[in-house]
Amino acid sequence: MESQDKEVLETILKAIVNQPEKVSVTRSTDEMGVLLTVKLGEGDAGVVIGKQGQSINAIRSVINIVGRKNQAKVNVKLDVPEVRRGIARPESNL
């Protein structure tokens, strides 16, 4: 099954995030292999990435195993907008 990698990734992500209804995975292929692009709900990126990237690395390992079964190189990309809270710099009054 060609999209088995996408289904496995969606199942894993929906099981660990706080907003499973906002998980979206798109699959594209080119000469380099398969790219699974993930969009998440606000605040879920930290859960998926995990401490020092351990969670996302484990997820990528599982997806690579599924890809190898189908003779495909599979990459997982998180499409997460960078949001920094509390880092606003006040204007200096010089």
N, C-alpha and C. Protein backbone atom coordinates (compact mmCIF):
# COMPACT_ATOMS: atom_id res chain seq x y z
N MET A 1 0.85 -1.19 0.00
CA MET A 1 0.00 0.00 0.00
C MET A 1 0.89 1.24 0.00
N GLU A 2 0.69 2.09 -0.98
CA GLU A 2 1.54 3.25 -1.17
C GLU A 2 1.47 4.27 -0.04
N SER A 3 0.29 4.56 0.46
CA SER A 3 0.15 5.62 1.46
C SER A 3 0.14 5.07 2.89
N GLN A 4 0.64 3.87 3.07
CA GLN A 4 0.69 3.29 4.42
C GLN A 4 1.54 4.14 5.34
N ASP A 5 2.61 4.73 4.82
CA ASP A 5 3.47 5.58 5.63
C ASP A 5 2.69 6.79 6.16
N LYS A 6 1.87 7.39 5.32
CA LYS A 6 1.05 8.53 5.73
C LYS A 6 0.05 8.13 6.82
N GLU A 7 -0.60 7.00 6.63
CA GLU A 7 -1.59 6.54 7.61
C GLU A 7 -0.94 6.24 8.96
N VAL A 8 0.23 5.61 8.95
CA VAL A 8 0.93 5.30 10.20
C VAL A 8 1.32 6.59 10.91
N LEU A 9 1.85 7.56 10.16
CA LEU A 9 2.25 8.84 10.75
C LEU A 9 1.05 9.56 11.37
N GLU A 10 -0.07 9.62 10.64
CA GLU A 10 -1.27 10.27 11.18
C GLU A 10 -1.74 9.60 12.46
N THR A 11 -1.72 8.28 12.49
CA THR A 11 -2.17 7.54 13.67
C THR A 11 -1.28 7.86 14.88
N ILE A 12 0.03 7.87 14.68
CA ILE A 12 0.95 8.17 15.77
C ILE A 12 0.73 9.59 16.28
N LEU A 13 0.68 10.55 15.36
CA LEU A 13 0.54 11.95 15.75
C LEU A 13 -0.77 12.21 16.49
N LYS A 14 -1.86 11.68 15.96
CA LYS A 14 -3.17 11.91 16.59
C LYS A 14 -3.24 11.29 17.99
N ALA A 15 -2.44 10.27 18.23
CA ALA A 15 -2.43 9.63 19.54
C ALA A 15 -1.68 10.44 20.59
N ILE A 16 -0.76 11.32 20.17
CA ILE A 16 0.07 12.01 21.16
C ILE A 16 -0.22 13.50 21.30
N VAL A 17 -0.89 14.12 20.34
CA VAL A 17 -1.12 15.58 20.42
C VAL A 17 -2.38 15.90 21.23
N ASN A 18 -2.50 17.17 21.61
CA ASN A 18 -3.66 17.63 22.36
C ASN A 18 -4.84 17.97 21.46
N GLN A 19 -4.56 18.27 20.19
CA GLN A 19 -5.61 18.63 19.23
C GLN A 19 -5.54 17.71 18.01
N PRO A 20 -5.96 16.46 18.14
CA PRO A 20 -5.82 15.51 17.03
C PRO A 20 -6.61 15.90 15.78
N GLU A 21 -7.67 16.66 15.95
CA GLU A 21 -8.47 17.08 14.79
C GLU A 21 -7.73 18.06 13.89
N LYS A 22 -6.66 18.66 14.40
CA LYS A 22 -5.90 19.64 13.61
C LYS A 22 -4.66 19.04 12.95
N VAL A 23 -4.45 17.74 13.12
CA VAL A 23 -3.31 17.08 12.48
C VAL A 23 -3.61 16.90 11.00
N SER A 24 -2.68 17.35 10.17
CA SER A 24 -2.82 17.21 8.72
C SER A 24 -1.49 16.73 8.16
N VAL A 25 -1.54 15.66 7.36
CA VAL A 25 -0.33 15.13 6.74
C VAL A 25 -0.55 15.09 5.23
N THR A 26 0.36 15.72 4.49
CA THR A 26 0.31 15.64 3.03
C THR A 26 1.51 14.85 2.54
N ARG A 27 1.29 14.09 1.49
CA ARG A 27 2.32 13.19 0.95
C ARG A 27 2.66 13.62 -0.47
N SER A 28 3.95 13.80 -0.73
CA SER A 28 4.39 14.10 -2.09
C SER A 28 5.60 13.23 -2.41
N THR A 29 5.76 12.93 -3.69
CA THR A 29 6.89 12.11 -4.11
C THR A 29 7.65 12.82 -5.24
N ASP A 30 8.96 12.59 -5.26
CA ASP A 30 9.80 13.08 -6.34
C ASP A 30 10.97 12.12 -6.47
N GLU A 31 11.99 12.51 -7.23
CA GLU A 31 13.13 11.62 -7.45
C GLU A 31 13.92 11.35 -6.18
N MET A 32 13.76 12.20 -5.16
CA MET A 32 14.46 12.01 -3.89
C MET A 32 13.75 11.04 -2.96
N GLY A 33 12.49 10.76 -3.21
CA GLY A 33 11.72 9.85 -2.37
C GLY A 33 10.38 10.45 -1.98
N VAL A 34 9.92 10.10 -0.79
CA VAL A 34 8.62 10.53 -0.29
C VAL A 34 8.83 11.60 0.78
N LEU A 35 8.03 12.66 0.70
CA LEU A 35 8.05 13.70 1.73
C LEU A 35 6.67 13.77 2.37
N LEU A 36 6.63 13.57 3.69
CA LEU A 36 5.40 13.71 4.46
C LEU A 36 5.51 15.02 5.22
N THR A 37 4.63 15.97 4.90
CA THR A 37 4.63 17.28 5.54
C THR A 37 3.51 17.32 6.57
N VAL A 38 3.85 17.68 7.79
CA VAL A 38 2.91 17.65 8.92
C VAL A 38 2.55 19.06 9.36
N LYS A 39 1.26 19.31 9.50
CA LYS A 39 0.77 20.55 10.11
C LYS A 39 0.04 20.16 11.38
N LEU A 40 0.28 20.94 12.45
CA LEU A 40 -0.28 20.63 13.77
C LEU A 40 -1.04 21.81 14.32
N GLY A 41 -1.83 21.55 15.35
CA GLY A 41 -2.51 22.62 16.07
C GLY A 41 -1.52 23.39 16.91
N GLU A 42 -1.94 24.58 17.31
CA GLU A 42 -1.08 25.43 18.13
C GLU A 42 -0.71 24.74 19.44
N GLY A 43 0.57 24.76 19.75
CA GLY A 43 1.05 24.18 21.01
C GLY A 43 1.40 22.70 20.92
N ASP A 44 1.10 22.04 19.81
CA ASP A 44 1.37 20.61 19.71
C ASP A 44 2.77 20.29 19.20
N ALA A 45 3.45 21.26 18.63
CA ALA A 45 4.79 21.00 18.08
C ALA A 45 5.75 20.51 19.16
N GLY A 46 5.67 21.11 20.34
CA GLY A 46 6.56 20.71 21.43
C GLY A 46 6.37 19.26 21.84
N VAL A 47 5.13 18.81 21.83
CA VAL A 47 4.83 17.42 22.18
C VAL A 47 5.42 16.48 21.13
N VAL A 48 5.26 16.85 19.87
CA VAL A 48 5.74 16.01 18.77
C VAL A 48 7.27 15.99 18.72
N ILE A 49 7.89 17.14 18.94
CA ILE A 49 9.35 17.21 18.90
C ILE A 49 9.96 16.51 20.11
N GLY A 50 9.42 16.77 21.30
CA GLY A 50 9.91 16.11 22.50
C GLY A 50 11.21 16.71 23.00
N LYS A 51 11.63 16.21 24.15
CA LYS A 51 12.85 16.70 24.78
C LYS A 51 14.05 16.35 23.91
N GLN A 52 14.80 17.37 23.53
CA GLN A 52 15.99 17.24 22.68
C GLN A 52 15.70 16.52 21.37
N GLY A 53 14.45 16.60 20.89
CA GLY A 53 14.09 16.01 19.62
C GLY A 53 13.90 14.50 19.64
N GLN A 54 13.82 13.93 20.83
CA GLN A 54 13.73 12.47 20.92
C GLN A 54 12.45 11.92 20.31
N SER A 55 11.33 12.60 20.53
CA SER A 55 10.05 12.08 20.02
C SER A 55 10.01 12.09 18.50
N ILE A 56 10.37 13.23 17.89
CA ILE A 56 10.33 13.30 16.42
C ILE A 56 11.34 12.35 15.80
N ASN A 57 12.48 12.16 16.44
CA ASN A 57 13.46 11.20 15.91
C ASN A 57 12.92 9.78 15.95
N ALA A 58 12.22 9.43 17.03
CA ALA A 58 11.62 8.10 17.13
C ALA A 58 10.52 7.92 16.08
N ILE A 59 9.70 8.95 15.89
CA ILE A 59 8.64 8.89 14.88
C ILE A 59 9.26 8.71 13.50
N ARG A 60 10.30 9.48 13.20
CA ARG A 60 10.97 9.36 11.89
C ARG A 60 11.55 7.96 11.70
N SER A 61 12.08 7.37 12.75
CA SER A 61 12.63 6.01 12.65
C SER A 61 11.55 5.01 12.29
N VAL A 62 10.40 5.10 12.92
CA VAL A 62 9.29 4.19 12.63
C VAL A 62 8.83 4.37 11.18
N ILE A 63 8.69 5.63 10.75
CA ILE A 63 8.23 5.90 9.39
C ILE A 63 9.26 5.41 8.37
N ASN A 64 10.54 5.51 8.68
CA ASN A 64 11.56 4.98 7.78
C ASN A 64 11.48 3.47 7.65
N ILE A 65 11.15 2.79 8.72
CA ILE A 65 10.96 1.33 8.67
C ILE A 65 9.81 0.99 7.75
N VAL A 66 8.71 1.71 7.87
CA VAL A 66 7.55 1.49 7.00
C VAL A 66 7.94 1.77 5.54
N GLY A 67 8.69 2.84 5.32
CA GLY A 67 9.13 3.17 3.97
C GLY A 67 10.04 2.11 3.37
N ARG A 68 10.96 1.59 4.16
CA ARG A 68 11.87 0.55 3.67
C ARG A 68 11.10 -0.69 3.23
N LYS A 69 10.04 -0.98 3.95
CA LYS A 69 9.20 -2.13 3.59
C LYS A 69 8.66 -1.97 2.17
N ASN A 70 8.42 -0.72 1.77
CA ASN A 70 7.90 -0.42 0.44
C ASN A 70 8.98 0.12 -0.49
N GLN A 71 10.25 -0.11 -0.16
CA GLN A 71 11.39 0.34 -0.95
C GLN A 71 11.34 1.84 -1.25
N ALA A 72 11.04 2.64 -0.24
CA ALA A 72 10.96 4.09 -0.42
C ALA A 72 11.75 4.81 0.67
N LYS A 73 12.38 5.90 0.28
CA LYS A 73 13.05 6.79 1.24
C LYS A 73 12.00 7.80 1.68
N VAL A 74 11.68 7.82 2.97
CA VAL A 74 10.62 8.69 3.48
C VAL A 74 11.21 9.72 4.44
N ASN A 75 10.88 10.98 4.21
CA ASN A 75 11.28 12.07 5.09
C ASN A 75 10.03 12.69 5.71
N VAL A 76 10.15 13.10 6.97
CA VAL A 76 9.05 13.76 7.68
C VAL A 76 9.47 15.19 7.96
N LYS A 77 8.63 16.14 7.54
CA LYS A 77 8.90 17.56 7.74
C LYS A 77 7.77 18.17 8.57
N LEU A 78 8.12 18.86 9.65
CA LEU A 78 7.14 19.58 10.44
C LEU A 78 7.00 20.98 9.88
N ASP A 79 5.79 21.35 9.50
CA ASP A 79 5.51 22.68 8.99
C ASP A 79 4.85 23.46 10.12
N VAL A 80 5.71 24.06 10.97
CA VAL A 80 5.24 24.74 12.18
C VAL A 80 5.67 26.20 12.12
N PRO A 81 4.71 27.12 12.19
CA PRO A 81 5.11 28.53 12.21
C PRO A 81 5.86 28.84 13.50
N GLU A 82 6.90 29.63 13.39
CA GLU A 82 7.69 29.99 14.57
C GLU A 82 6.97 31.07 15.35
N VAL A 83 6.61 30.76 16.57
CA VAL A 83 5.93 31.71 17.43
C VAL A 83 6.74 31.86 18.70
N ARG A 84 7.12 33.07 18.99
CA ARG A 84 7.88 33.33 20.21
C ARG A 84 7.04 34.20 21.12
N ARG A 85 6.77 33.69 22.29
CA ARG A 85 5.96 34.44 23.25
C ARG A 85 6.86 35.01 24.33
N GLY A 86 6.55 36.23 24.74
CA GLY A 86 7.28 36.84 25.83
C GLY A 86 8.68 37.30 25.50
N ILE A 87 8.99 37.42 24.22
CA ILE A 87 10.33 37.85 23.83
C ILE A 87 10.26 39.24 23.19
N ALA A 88 9.21 39.96 23.41
CA ALA A 88 9.09 41.30 22.84
C ALA A 88 10.12 42.22 23.50
N ARG A 89 10.77 43.00 22.67
CA ARG A 89 11.79 43.92 23.19
C ARG A 89 11.19 45.31 23.32
N PRO A 90 11.20 45.86 24.52
CA PRO A 90 10.65 47.22 24.69
C PRO A 90 11.57 48.24 24.01
N GLU A 91 10.98 49.27 23.51
CA GLU A 91 11.75 50.36 22.89
C GLU A 91 12.53 51.08 24.00
N SER A 92 13.78 51.38 23.70
CA SER A 92 14.57 52.10 24.70
C SER A 92 14.30 53.60 24.60
N ASN A 93 14.33 54.25 25.72
CA ASN A 93 14.07 55.69 25.79
C ASN A 93 15.38 56.45 25.93
N LEU A 94 16.16 56.46 24.85
CA LEU A 94 17.45 57.15 24.89
C LEU A 94 17.34 58.55 24.37
